[in-house]
Amino acid sequence: MDTELPSLLARWNTEPPLTRYVLGCVAAHYPHHGRLITGQVSDMSSDYAGTQPGVYLKLAEALLRADDTQTFTIAADIISWAEDLDPGWLDAPGVSPALKGTHTLAMGAPRAANTTA
């Protein structure tokens, strides 16, 4: 995935919203490539403000910006309403905020994808 991601991200503007949502979430797992679309992820998160996909995109944006405080805050917010995510993960000792954020994103974002048109 790491070697294919740059070419996938280059297609951002030609892809439909659902594909851009997935690309934004995947990009957060590979920030060394994903930072190239931070602005687009931010714009899309604003477009989906007040929705679960919007919150996951905000988390992806925080990860792309390497903002550990915002990453943890958003992950904790998601855990508070996403009943199927384990809140214990946020308290795991020795786990960085970035890893907690990427775990939350990986576990929850696919479930919210069906509400992204």
PDB file of N, CA and C in Angstrom:
ATOM      1  N   MET A   1       0.821  -1.182   0.000  1.00  0.00           N
ATOM      2  CA  MET A   1       0.000   0.000   0.000  1.00  0.00           C
ATOM      3  C   MET A   1       0.873   1.256   0.000  1.00  0.00           C
ATOM      4  N   ASP A   2       1.939   1.206   0.758  1.00  0.00           N
ATOM      5  CA  ASP A   2       2.808   2.379   0.886  1.00  0.00           C
ATOM      6  C   ASP A   2       3.331   2.852  -0.468  1.00  0.00           C
ATOM      7  N   THR A   3       3.663   1.927  -1.342  1.00  0.00           N
ATOM      8  CA  THR A   3       4.204   2.326  -2.646  1.00  0.00           C
ATOM      9  C   THR A   3       3.112   2.755  -3.623  1.00  0.00           C
ATOM     10  N   GLU A   4       1.903   2.284  -3.434  1.00  0.00           N
ATOM     11  CA  GLU A   4       0.793   2.620  -4.333  1.00  0.00           C
ATOM     12  C   GLU A   4       0.067   3.896  -3.929  1.00  0.00           C
ATOM     13  N   LEU A   5       0.180   4.283  -2.682  1.00  0.00           N
ATOM     14  CA  LEU A   5      -0.621   5.396  -2.174  1.00  0.00           C
ATOM     15  C   LEU A   5      -0.401   6.716  -2.910  1.00  0.00           C
ATOM     16  N   PRO A   6       0.815   7.112  -3.236  1.00  0.00           N
ATOM     17  CA  PRO A   6       0.971   8.397  -3.928  1.00  0.00           C
ATOM     18  C   PRO A   6       0.148   8.500  -5.216  1.00  0.00           C
ATOM     19  N   SER A   7       0.109   7.428  -5.994  1.00  0.00           N
ATOM     20  CA  SER A   7      -0.675   7.492  -7.233  1.00  0.00           C
ATOM     21  C   SER A   7      -2.171   7.519  -6.940  1.00  0.00           C
ATOM     22  N   LEU A   8      -2.595   6.860  -5.884  1.00  0.00           N
ATOM     23  CA  LEU A   8      -4.007   6.919  -5.498  1.00  0.00           C
ATOM     24  C   LEU A   8      -4.386   8.320  -5.015  1.00  0.00           C
ATOM     25  N   LEU A   9      -3.529   8.919  -4.209  1.00  0.00           N
ATOM     26  CA  LEU A   9      -3.816  10.258  -3.691  1.00  0.00           C
ATOM     27  C   LEU A   9      -3.837  11.296  -4.807  1.00  0.00           C
ATOM     28  N   ALA A  10      -3.055  11.075  -5.837  1.00  0.00           N
ATOM     29  CA  ALA A  10      -3.023  12.006  -6.968  1.00  0.00           C
ATOM     30  C   ALA A  10      -4.358  12.048  -7.703  1.00  0.00           C
ATOM     31  N   ARG A  11      -5.189  11.053  -7.503  1.00  0.00           N
ATOM     32  CA  ARG A  11      -6.499  10.985  -8.150  1.00  0.00           C
ATOM     33  C   ARG A  11      -7.602  11.650  -7.327  1.00  0.00           C
ATOM     34  N   TRP A  12      -7.263  12.239  -6.200  1.00  0.00           N
ATOM     35  CA  TRP A  12      -8.249  12.803  -5.268  1.00  0.00           C
ATOM     36  C   TRP A  12      -9.342  13.589  -5.988  1.00  0.00           C
ATOM     37  N   ASN A  13      -8.978  14.532  -6.813  1.00  0.00           N
ATOM     38  CA  ASN A  13      -9.960  15.425  -7.435  1.00  0.00           C
ATOM     39  C   ASN A  13     -10.871  14.736  -8.440  1.00  0.00           C
ATOM     40  N   THR A  14     -10.507  13.559  -8.904  1.00  0.00           N
ATOM     41  CA  THR A  14     -11.331  12.855  -9.888  1.00  0.00           C
ATOM     42  C   THR A  14     -12.226  11.797  -9.255  1.00  0.00           C
ATOM     43  N   GLU A  15     -12.078  11.584  -7.970  1.00  0.00           N
ATOM     44  CA  GLU A  15     -12.813  10.512  -7.298  1.00  0.00           C
ATOM     45  C   GLU A  15     -14.114  11.023  -6.676  1.00  0.00           C
ATOM     46  N   PRO A  16     -15.117  10.140  -6.547  1.00  0.00           N
ATOM     47  CA  PRO A  16     -16.365  10.515  -5.880  1.00  0.00           C
ATOM     48  C   PRO A  16     -16.146  10.643  -4.370  1.00  0.00           C
ATOM     49  N   PRO A  17     -17.086  11.257  -3.654  1.00  0.00           N
ATOM     50  CA  PRO A  17     -16.910  11.502  -2.219  1.00  0.00           C
ATOM     51  C   PRO A  17     -16.571  10.263  -1.391  1.00  0.00           C
ATOM     52  N   LEU A  18     -17.226   9.147  -1.644  1.00  0.00           N
ATOM     53  CA  LEU A  18     -16.936   7.955  -0.841  1.00  0.00           C
ATOM     54  C   LEU A  18     -15.484   7.521  -1.007  1.00  0.00           C
ATOM     55  N   THR A  19     -14.984   7.550  -2.221  1.00  0.00           N
ATOM     56  CA  THR A  19     -13.590   7.174  -2.464  1.00  0.00           C
ATOM     57  C   THR A  19     -12.643   8.177  -1.822  1.00  0.00           C
ATOM     58  N   ARG A  20     -12.975   9.470  -1.883  1.00  0.00           N
ATOM     59  CA  ARG A  20     -12.134  10.484  -1.229  1.00  0.00           C
ATOM     60  C   ARG A  20     -12.130  10.282   0.284  1.00  0.00           C
ATOM     61  N   TYR A  21     -13.287   9.917   0.852  1.00  0.00           N
ATOM     62  CA  TYR A  21     -13.360   9.628   2.287  1.00  0.00           C
ATOM     63  C   TYR A  21     -12.380   8.505   2.643  1.00  0.00           C
ATOM     64  N   VAL A  22     -12.436   7.430   1.893  1.00  0.00           N
ATOM     65  CA  VAL A  22     -11.541   6.298   2.152  1.00  0.00           C
ATOM     66  C   VAL A  22     -10.085   6.716   1.963  1.00  0.00           C
ATOM     67  N   LEU A  23      -9.793   7.456   0.898  1.00  0.00           N
ATOM     68  CA  LEU A  23      -8.422   7.920   0.664  1.00  0.00           C
ATOM     69  C   LEU A  23      -7.928   8.792   1.813  1.00  0.00           C
ATOM     70  N   GLY A  24      -8.780   9.681   2.304  1.00  0.00           N
ATOM     71  CA  GLY A  24      -8.386  10.543   3.420  1.00  0.00           C
ATOM     72  C   GLY A  24      -8.059   9.747   4.667  1.00  0.00           C
ATOM     73  N   CYS A  25      -8.871   8.726   4.932  1.00  0.00           N
ATOM     74  CA  CYS A  25      -8.630   7.891   6.109  1.00  0.00           C
ATOM     75  C   CYS A  25      -7.374   7.038   5.939  1.00  0.00           C
ATOM     76  N   VAL A  26      -7.180   6.489   4.761  1.00  0.00           N
ATOM     77  CA  VAL A  26      -5.976   5.689   4.498  1.00  0.00           C
ATOM     78  C   VAL A  26      -4.734   6.572   4.559  1.00  0.00           C
ATOM     79  N   ALA A  27      -4.823   7.769   4.013  1.00  0.00           N
ATOM     80  CA  ALA A  27      -3.678   8.688   4.010  1.00  0.00           C
ATOM     81  C   ALA A  27      -3.169   8.953   5.420  1.00  0.00           C
ATOM     82  N   ALA A  28      -4.080   8.987   6.386  1.00  0.00           N
ATOM     83  CA  ALA A  28      -3.678   9.246   7.771  1.00  0.00           C
ATOM     84  C   ALA A  28      -2.808   8.126   8.337  1.00  0.00           C
ATOM     85  N   HIS A  29      -2.908   6.944   7.769  1.00  0.00           N
ATOM     86  CA  HIS A  29      -2.070   5.818   8.202  1.00  0.00           C
ATOM     87  C   HIS A  29      -0.679   5.871   7.580  1.00  0.00           C
ATOM     88  N   TYR A  30      -0.529   6.687   6.564  1.00  0.00           N
ATOM     89  CA  TYR A  30       0.749   6.861   5.862  1.00  0.00           C
ATOM     90  C   TYR A  30       1.028   8.356   5.731  1.00  0.00           C
ATOM     91  N   PRO A  31       1.221   9.036   6.865  1.00  0.00           N
ATOM     92  CA  PRO A  31       1.316  10.506   6.815  1.00  0.00           C
ATOM     93  C   PRO A  31       2.467  11.032   5.965  1.00  0.00           C
ATOM     94  N   HIS A  32       3.515  10.261   5.794  1.00  0.00           N
ATOM     95  CA  HIS A  32       4.623  10.730   4.956  1.00  0.00           C
ATOM     96  C   HIS A  32       4.158  10.939   3.515  1.00  0.00           C
ATOM     97  N   HIS A  33       3.155  10.235   3.071  1.00  0.00           N
ATOM     98  CA  HIS A  33       2.534  10.476   1.765  1.00  0.00           C
ATOM     99  C   HIS A  33       1.272  11.329   1.919  1.00  0.00           C
ATOM    100  N   GLY A  34       0.514  11.032   2.940  1.00  0.00           N
ATOM    101  CA  GLY A  34      -0.795  11.648   3.117  1.00  0.00           C
ATOM    102  C   GLY A  34      -0.785  13.140   3.350  1.00  0.00           C
ATOM    103  N   ARG A  35       0.312  13.657   3.883  1.00  0.00           N
ATOM    104  CA  ARG A  35       0.360  15.101   4.158  1.00  0.00           C
ATOM    105  C   ARG A  35       0.126  15.936   2.903  1.00  0.00           C
ATOM    106  N   LEU A  36       0.334  15.355   1.748  1.00  0.00           N
ATOM    107  CA  LEU A  36       0.105  16.073   0.490  1.00  0.00           C
ATOM    108  C   LEU A  36      -1.362  16.446   0.293  1.00  0.00           C
ATOM    109  N   ILE A  37      -2.274  15.722   0.945  1.00  0.00           N
ATOM    110  CA  ILE A  37      -3.697  16.023   0.781  1.00  0.00           C
ATOM    111  C   ILE A  37      -4.337  16.520   2.076  1.00  0.00           C
ATOM    112  N   THR A  38      -3.538  17.007   2.999  1.00  0.00           N
ATOM    113  CA  THR A  38      -4.082  17.496   4.269  1.00  0.00           C
ATOM    114  C   THR A  38      -5.156  18.550   4.036  1.00  0.00           C
ATOM    115  N   GLY A  39      -4.910  19.483   3.145  1.00  0.00           N
ATOM    116  CA  GLY A  39      -5.889  20.534   2.866  1.00  0.00           C
ATOM    117  C   GLY A  39      -7.198  19.982   2.331  1.00  0.00           C
ATOM    118  N   GLN A  40      -7.120  19.000   1.450  1.00  0.00           N
ATOM    119  CA  GLN A  40      -8.326  18.394   0.896  1.00  0.00           C
ATOM    120  C   GLN A  40      -9.098  17.623   1.962  1.00  0.00           C
ATOM    121  N   VAL A  41      -8.379  16.936   2.842  1.00  0.00           N
ATOM    122  CA  VAL A  41      -9.034  16.210   3.933  1.00  0.00           C
ATOM    123  C   VAL A  41      -9.724  17.210   4.860  1.00  0.00           C
ATOM    124  N   SER A  42      -9.061  18.309   5.146  1.00  0.00           N
ATOM    125  CA  SER A  42      -9.647  19.355   5.981  1.00  0.00           C
ATOM    126  C   SER A  42     -10.914  19.918   5.344  1.00  0.00           C
ATOM    127  N   ASP A  43     -10.853  20.213   4.059  1.00  0.00           N
ATOM    128  CA  ASP A  43     -12.031  20.734   3.357  1.00  0.00           C
ATOM    129  C   ASP A  43     -13.182  19.738   3.395  1.00  0.00           C
ATOM    130  N   MET A  44     -12.874  18.476   3.181  1.00  0.00           N
ATOM    131  CA  MET A  44     -13.922  17.463   3.182  1.00  0.00           C
ATOM    132  C   MET A  44     -14.510  17.290   4.574  1.00  0.00           C
ATOM    133  N   SER A  45     -13.666  17.382   5.604  1.00  0.00           N
ATOM    134  CA  SER A  45     -14.194  17.266   6.967  1.00  0.00           C
ATOM    135  C   SER A  45     -15.153  18.415   7.254  1.00  0.00           C
ATOM    136  N   SER A  46     -14.875  19.589   6.723  1.00  0.00           N
ATOM    137  CA  SER A  46     -15.790  20.729   6.878  1.00  0.00           C
ATOM    138  C   SER A  46     -17.094  20.483   6.128  1.00  0.00           C
ATOM    139  N   ASP A  47     -16.998  19.884   4.944  1.00  0.00           N
ATOM    140  CA  ASP A  47     -18.197  19.569   4.165  1.00  0.00           C
ATOM    141  C   ASP A  47     -19.108  18.597   4.901  1.00  0.00           C
ATOM    142  N   TYR A  48     -18.519  17.732   5.720  1.00  0.00           N
ATOM    143  CA  TYR A  48     -19.281  16.726   6.455  1.00  0.00           C
ATOM    144  C   TYR A  48     -19.372  17.042   7.951  1.00  0.00           C
ATOM    145  N   ALA A  49     -19.197  18.302   8.302  1.00  0.00           N
ATOM    146  CA  ALA A  49     -19.272  18.715   9.714  1.00  0.00           C
ATOM    147  C   ALA A  49     -20.607  18.273  10.308  1.00  0.00           C
ATOM    148  N   GLY A  50     -20.547  17.800  11.545  1.00  0.00           N
ATOM    149  CA  GLY A  50     -21.753  17.364  12.236  1.00  0.00           C
ATOM    150  C   GLY A  50     -22.174  15.941  11.918  1.00  0.00           C
ATOM    151  N   THR A  51     -21.339  15.217  11.178  1.00  0.00           N
ATOM    152  CA  THR A  51     -21.629  13.819  10.847  1.00  0.00           C
ATOM    153  C   THR A  51     -20.483  12.936  11.330  1.00  0.00           C
ATOM    154  N   GLN A  52     -20.754  11.648  11.449  1.00  0.00           N
ATOM    155  CA  GLN A  52     -19.683  10.738  11.837  1.00  0.00           C
ATOM    156  C   GLN A  52     -18.535  10.734  10.827  1.00  0.00           C
ATOM    157  N   PRO A  53     -18.813  10.680   9.518  1.00  0.00           N
ATOM    158  CA  PRO A  53     -17.688  10.754   8.578  1.00  0.00           C
ATOM    159  C   PRO A  53     -16.871  12.034   8.760  1.00  0.00           C
ATOM    160  N   GLY A  54     -17.537  13.137   9.063  1.00  0.00           N
ATOM    161  CA  GLY A  54     -16.823  14.394   9.281  1.00  0.00           C
ATOM    162  C   GLY A  54     -15.871  14.318  10.457  1.00  0.00           C
ATOM    163  N   VAL A  55     -16.295  13.645  11.523  1.00  0.00           N
ATOM    164  CA  VAL A  55     -15.435  13.507  12.701  1.00  0.00           C
ATOM    165  C   VAL A  55     -14.237  12.604  12.382  1.00  0.00           C
ATOM    166  N   TYR A  56     -14.478  11.521  11.664  1.00  0.00           N
ATOM    167  CA  TYR A  56     -13.355  10.652  11.283  1.00  0.00           C
ATOM    168  C   TYR A  56     -12.376  11.385  10.371  1.00  0.00           C
ATOM    169  N   LEU A  57     -12.888  12.226   9.488  1.00  0.00           N
ATOM    170  CA  LEU A  57     -11.994  13.023   8.641  1.00  0.00           C
ATOM    171  C   LEU A  57     -11.223  14.048   9.465  1.00  0.00           C
ATOM    172  N   LYS A  58     -11.851  14.609  10.504  1.00  0.00           N
ATOM    173  CA  LYS A  58     -11.131  15.520  11.406  1.00  0.00           C
ATOM    174  C   LYS A  58     -10.002  14.770  12.104  1.00  0.00           C
ATOM    175  N   LEU A  59     -10.267  13.532  12.501  1.00  0.00           N
ATOM    176  CA  LEU A  59      -9.224  12.709  13.114  1.00  0.00           C
ATOM    177  C   LEU A  59      -8.102  12.447  12.107  1.00  0.00           C
ATOM    178  N   ALA A  60      -8.462  12.126  10.878  1.00  0.00           N
ATOM    179  CA  ALA A  60      -7.442  11.926   9.838  1.00  0.00           C
ATOM    180  C   ALA A  60      -6.619  13.195   9.651  1.00  0.00           C
ATOM    181  N   GLU A  61      -7.283  14.336   9.639  1.00  0.00           N
ATOM    182  CA  GLU A  61      -6.568  15.609   9.490  1.00  0.00           C
ATOM    183  C   GLU A  61      -5.596  15.833  10.645  1.00  0.00           C
ATOM    184  N   ALA A  62      -6.046  15.576  11.873  1.00  0.00           N
ATOM    185  CA  ALA A  62      -5.165  15.751  13.035  1.00  0.00           C
ATOM    186  C   ALA A  62      -3.949  14.830  12.933  1.00  0.00           C
ATOM    187  N   LEU A  63      -4.159  13.610  12.478  1.00  0.00           N
ATOM    188  CA  LEU A  63      -3.038  12.684  12.295  1.00  0.00           C
ATOM    189  C   LEU A  63      -2.087  13.184  11.213  1.00  0.00           C
ATOM    190  N   LEU A  64      -2.630  13.691  10.125  1.00  0.00           N
ATOM    191  CA  LEU A  64      -1.786  14.207   9.046  1.00  0.00           C
ATOM    192  C   LEU A  64      -0.988  15.423   9.490  1.00  0.00           C
ATOM    193  N   ARG A  65      -1.542  16.200  10.390  1.00  0.00           N
ATOM    194  CA  ARG A  65      -0.849  17.381  10.909  1.00  0.00           C
ATOM    195  C   ARG A  65       0.080  17.030  12.078  1.00  0.00           C
ATOM    196  N   ALA A  66       0.082  15.754  12.479  1.00  0.00           N
ATOM    197  CA  ALA A  66       0.892  15.280  13.611  1.00  0.00           C
ATOM    198  C   ALA A  66       0.577  16.061  14.877  1.00  0.00           C
ATOM    199  N   ASP A  67      -0.700  16.356  15.075  1.00  0.00           N
ATOM    200  CA  ASP A  67      -1.173  17.091  16.248  1.00  0.00           C
ATOM    201  C   ASP A  67      -1.670  16.073  17.275  1.00  0.00           C
ATOM    202  N   ASP A  68      -0.770  15.651  18.165  1.00  0.00           N
ATOM    203  CA  ASP A  68      -1.106  14.607  19.134  1.00  0.00           C
ATOM    204  C   ASP A  68      -2.243  14.998  20.064  1.00  0.00           C
ATOM    205  N   THR A  69      -2.279  16.249  20.484  1.00  0.00           N
ATOM    206  CA  THR A  69      -3.341  16.687  21.395  1.00  0.00           C
ATOM    207  C   THR A  69      -4.699  16.589  20.717  1.00  0.00           C
ATOM    208  N   GLN A  70      -4.800  17.127  19.515  1.00  0.00           N
ATOM    209  CA  GLN A  70      -6.066  17.083  18.774  1.00  0.00           C
ATOM    210  C   GLN A  70      -6.427  15.647  18.405  1.00  0.00           C
ATOM    211  N   THR A  71      -5.439  14.857  18.042  1.00  0.00           N
ATOM    212  CA  THR A  71      -5.681  13.450  17.710  1.00  0.00           C
ATOM    213  C   THR A  71      -6.318  12.731  18.887  1.00  0.00           C
ATOM    214  N   PHE A  72      -5.737  12.884  20.069  1.00  0.00           N
ATOM    215  CA  PHE A  72      -6.274  12.193  21.241  1.00  0.00           C
ATOM    216  C   PHE A  72      -7.659  12.719  21.597  1.00  0.00           C
ATOM    217  N   THR A  73      -7.852  14.022  21.524  1.00  0.00           N
ATOM    218  CA  THR A  73      -9.150  14.622  21.855  1.00  0.00           C
ATOM    219  C   THR A  73     -10.248  14.093  20.936  1.00  0.00           C
ATOM    220  N   ILE A  74      -9.977  14.052  19.649  1.00  0.00           N
ATOM    221  CA  ILE A  74     -10.980  13.568  18.692  1.00  0.00           C
ATOM    222  C   ILE A  74     -11.219  12.071  18.876  1.00  0.00           C
ATOM    223  N   ALA A  75     -10.156  11.301  19.086  1.00  0.00           N
ATOM    224  CA  ALA A  75     -10.316   9.859  19.314  1.00  0.00           C
ATOM    225  C   ALA A  75     -11.173   9.610  20.552  1.00  0.00           C
ATOM    226  N   ALA A  76     -10.943  10.362  21.618  1.00  0.00           N
ATOM    227  CA  ALA A  76     -11.738  10.209  22.839  1.00  0.00           C
ATOM    228  C   ALA A  76     -13.197  10.568  22.583  1.00  0.00           C
ATOM    229  N   ASP A  77     -13.430  11.608  21.788  1.00  0.00           N
ATOM    230  CA  ASP A  77     -14.802  11.979  21.440  1.00  0.00           C
ATOM    231  C   ASP A  77     -15.480  10.840  20.682  1.00  0.00           C
ATOM    232  N   ILE A  78     -14.796  10.281  19.716  1.00  0.00           N
ATOM    233  CA  ILE A  78     -15.365   9.176  18.940  1.00  0.00           C
ATOM    234  C   ILE A  78     -15.686   7.997  19.847  1.00  0.00           C
ATOM    235  N   ILE A  79     -14.757   7.654  20.720  1.00  0.00           N
ATOM    236  CA  ILE A  79     -14.963   6.526  21.634  1.00  0.00           C
ATOM    237  C   ILE A  79     -16.193   6.758  22.515  1.00  0.00           C
ATOM    238  N   SER A  80     -16.495   8.014  22.825  1.00  0.00           N
ATOM    239  CA  SER A  80     -17.641   8.310  23.695  1.00  0.00           C
ATOM    240  C   SER A  80     -18.981   7.996  23.034  1.00  0.00           C
ATOM    241  N   TRP A  81     -19.054   8.009  21.702  1.00  0.00           N
ATOM    242  CA  TRP A  81     -20.323   7.715  21.039  1.00  0.00           C
ATOM    243  C   TRP A  81     -20.299   6.471  20.151  1.00  0.00           C
ATOM    244  N   ALA A  82     -19.160   5.967  19.840  1.00  0.00           N
ATOM    245  CA  ALA A  82     -19.077   4.761  19.004  1.00  0.00           C
ATOM    246  C   ALA A  82     -19.125   3.543  19.917  1.00  0.00           C
ATOM    247  N   GLU A  83     -20.311   3.004  20.086  1.00  0.00           N
ATOM    248  CA  GLU A  83     -20.534   1.938  21.061  1.00  0.00           C
ATOM    249  C   GLU A  83     -19.712   0.683  20.812  1.00  0.00           C
ATOM    250  N   ASP A  84     -19.314   0.446  19.581  1.00  0.00           N
ATOM    251  CA  ASP A  84     -18.594  -0.783  19.269  1.00  0.00           C
ATOM    252  C   ASP A  84     -17.074  -0.640  19.344  1.00  0.00           C
ATOM    253  N   LEU A  85     -16.592   0.526  19.780  1.00  0.00           N
ATOM    254  CA  LEU A  85     -15.148   0.719  19.943  1.00  0.00           C
ATOM    255  C   LEU A  85     -14.781   0.593  21.417  1.00  0.00           C
ATOM    256  N   ASP A  86     -13.677  -0.062  21.688  1.00  0.00           N
ATOM    257  CA  ASP A  86     -13.235  -0.329  23.056  1.00  0.00           C
ATOM    258  C   ASP A  86     -12.590   0.911  23.671  1.00  0.00           C
ATOM    259  N   PRO A  87     -13.216   1.496  24.710  1.00  0.00           N
ATOM    260  CA  PRO A  87     -12.640   2.688  25.334  1.00  0.00           C
ATOM    261  C   PRO A  87     -11.331   2.407  26.066  1.00  0.00           C
ATOM    262  N   GLY A  88     -11.080   1.167  26.427  1.00  0.00           N
ATOM    263  CA  GLY A  88      -9.848   0.817  27.121  1.00  0.00           C
ATOM    264  C   GLY A  88      -8.602   1.083  26.291  1.00  0.00           C
ATOM    265  N   TRP A  89      -8.764   1.087  24.992  1.00  0.00           N
ATOM    266  CA  TRP A  89      -7.635   1.324  24.094  1.00  0.00           C
ATOM    267  C   TRP A  89      -7.018   2.691  24.348  1.00  0.00           C
ATOM    268  N   LEU A  90      -7.825   3.681  24.701  1.00  0.00           N
ATOM    269  CA  LEU A  90      -7.300   5.031  24.925  1.00  0.00           C
ATOM    270  C   LEU A  90      -6.417   5.118  26.166  1.00  0.00           C
ATOM    271  N   ASP A  91      -6.597   4.188  27.087  1.00  0.00           N
ATOM    272  CA  ASP A  91      -5.812   4.195  28.324  1.00  0.00           C
ATOM    273  C   ASP A  91      -4.605   3.263  28.263  1.00  0.00           C
ATOM    274  N   ALA A  92      -4.365   2.664  27.119  1.00  0.00           N
ATOM    275  CA  ALA A  92      -3.259   1.712  26.998  1.00  0.00           C
ATOM    276  C   ALA A  92      -1.930   2.409  27.282  1.00  0.00           C
ATOM    277  N   PRO A  93      -1.171   1.902  28.265  1.00  0.00           N
ATOM    278  CA  PRO A  93       0.102   2.542  28.603  1.00  0.00           C
ATOM    279  C   PRO A  93       1.139   2.351  27.500  1.00  0.00           C
ATOM    280  N   GLY A  94       1.943   3.371  27.312  1.00  0.00           N
ATOM    281  CA  GLY A  94       3.039   3.291  26.363  1.00  0.00           C
ATOM    282  C   GLY A  94       2.634   3.373  24.898  1.00  0.00           C
ATOM    283  N   VAL A  95       1.372   3.679  24.634  1.00  0.00           N
ATOM    284  CA  VAL A  95       0.889   3.783  23.255  1.00  0.00           C
ATOM    285  C   VAL A  95       0.755   5.263  22.916  1.00  0.00           C
ATOM    286  N   SER A  96       1.355   5.676  21.832  1.00  0.00           N
ATOM    287  CA  SER A  96       1.357   7.093  21.455  1.00  0.00           C
ATOM    288  C   SER A  96      -0.043   7.560  21.059  1.00  0.00           C
ATOM    289  N   PRO A  97      -0.304   8.863  21.195  1.00  0.00           N
ATOM    290  CA  PRO A  97      -1.585   9.401  20.723  1.00  0.00           C
ATOM    291  C   PRO A  97      -1.817   9.109  19.238  1.00  0.00           C
ATOM    292  N   ALA A  98      -0.760   9.149  18.442  1.00  0.00           N
ATOM    293  CA  ALA A  98      -0.913   8.868  17.010  1.00  0.00           C
ATOM    294  C   ALA A  98      -1.390   7.432  16.778  1.00  0.00           C
ATOM    295  N   LEU A  99      -0.833   6.479  17.501  1.00  0.00           N
ATOM    296  CA  LEU A  99      -1.263   5.091  17.339  1.00  0.00           C
ATOM    297  C   LEU A  99      -2.691   4.904  17.848  1.00  0.00           C
ATOM    298  N   LYS A 100      -3.030   5.559  18.947  1.00  0.00           N
ATOM    299  CA  LYS A 100      -4.409   5.497  19.446  1.00  0.00           C
ATOM    300  C   LYS A 100      -5.366   6.081  18.418  1.00  0.00           C
ATOM    301  N   GLY A 101      -4.953   7.161  17.784  1.00  0.00           N
ATOM    302  CA  GLY A 101      -5.785   7.783  16.759  1.00  0.00           C
ATOM    303  C   GLY A 101      -5.930   6.915  15.520  1.00  0.00           C
ATOM    304  N   THR A 102      -4.831   6.333  15.057  1.00  0.00           N
ATOM    305  CA  THR A 102      -4.925   5.492  13.863  1.00  0.00           C
ATOM    306  C   THR A 102      -5.737   4.226  14.142  1.00  0.00           C
ATOM    307  N   HIS A 103      -5.630   3.706  15.352  1.00  0.00           N
ATOM    308  CA  HIS A 103      -6.444   2.545  15.724  1.00  0.00           C
ATOM    309  C   HIS A 103      -7.925   2.917  15.704  1.00  0.00           C
ATOM    310  N   THR A 104      -8.267   4.043  16.311  1.00  0.00           N
ATOM    311  CA  THR A 104      -9.659   4.497  16.331  1.00  0.00           C
ATOM    312  C   THR A 104     -10.165   4.712  14.910  1.00  0.00           C
ATOM    313  N   LEU A 105      -9.347   5.320  14.076  1.00  0.00           N
ATOM    314  CA  LEU A 105      -9.715   5.570  12.684  1.00  0.00           C
ATOM    315  C   LEU A 105      -9.927   4.253  11.933  1.00  0.00           C
ATOM    316  N   ALA A 106      -9.006   3.321  12.096  1.00  0.00           N
ATOM    317  CA  ALA A 106      -9.101   2.040  11.386  1.00  0.00           C
ATOM    318  C   ALA A 106     -10.318   1.233  11.817  1.00  0.00           C
ATOM    319  N   MET A 107     -10.659   1.284  13.097  1.00  0.00           N
ATOM    320  CA  MET A 107     -11.771   0.493  13.598  1.00  0.00           C
ATOM    321  C   MET A 107     -13.127   1.139  13.315  1.00  0.00           C
ATOM    322  N   GLY A 108     -13.177   2.460  13.310  1.00  0.00           N
ATOM    323  CA  GLY A 108     -14.470   3.124  13.196  1.00  0.00           C
ATOM    324  C   GLY A 108     -14.813   3.713  11.849  1.00  0.00           C
ATOM    325  N   ALA A 109     -13.834   4.235  11.141  1.00  0.00           N
ATOM    326  CA  ALA A 109     -14.114   4.941   9.882  1.00  0.00           C
ATOM    327  C   ALA A 109     -14.829   4.075   8.843  1.00  0.00           C
ATOM    328  N   PRO A 110     -14.470   2.804   8.687  1.00  0.00           N
ATOM    329  CA  PRO A 110     -15.194   2.001   7.688  1.00  0.00           C
ATOM    330  C   PRO A 110     -16.688   1.884   7.990  1.00  0.00           C
ATOM    331  N   ARG A 111     -17.051   1.882   9.256  1.00  0.00           N
ATOM    332  CA  ARG A 111     -18.463   1.773   9.625  1.00  0.00           C
ATOM    333  C   ARG A 111     -19.241   3.027   9.257  1.00  0.00           C
ATOM    334  N   ALA A 112     -18.558   4.161   9.242  1.00  0.00           N
ATOM    335  CA  ALA A 112     -19.219   5.425   8.903  1.00  0.00           C
ATOM    336  C   ALA A 112     -19.238   5.679   7.401  1.00  0.00           C
ATOM    337  N   ALA A 113     -18.511   4.887   6.652  1.00  0.00           N
ATOM    338  CA  ALA A 113     -18.398   5.119   5.203  1.00  0.00           C
ATOM    339  C   ALA A 113     -19.737   5.021   4.490  1.00  0.00           C
ATOM    340  N   ASN A 114     -20.637   4.201   4.997  1.00  0.00           N
ATOM    341  CA  ASN A 114     -21.914   4.031   4.304  1.00  0.00           C
ATOM    342  C   ASN A 114     -22.791   5.278   4.361  1.00  0.00           C
ATOM    343  N   THR A 115     -22.406   6.266   5.159  1.00  0.00           N
ATOM    344  CA  THR A 115     -23.169   7.514   5.212  1.00  0.00           C
ATOM    345  C   THR A 115     -22.494   8.618   4.410  1.00  0.00           C
ATOM    346  N   THR A 116     -21.468   8.264   3.652  1.00  0.00           N
ATOM    347  CA  THR A 116     -20.743   9.223   2.817  1.00  0.00           C
ATOM    348  C   THR A 116     -21.187   9.027   1.372  1.00  0.00           C
ATOM    349  N   ALA A 117     -21.909  10.004   0.852  1.00  0.00           N
ATOM    350  CA  ALA A 117     -22.422   9.867  -0.527  1.00  0.00           C
ATOM    351  C   ALA A 117     -21.416  10.383  -1.527  1.00  0.00           C
TER     352      ALA A 117
END
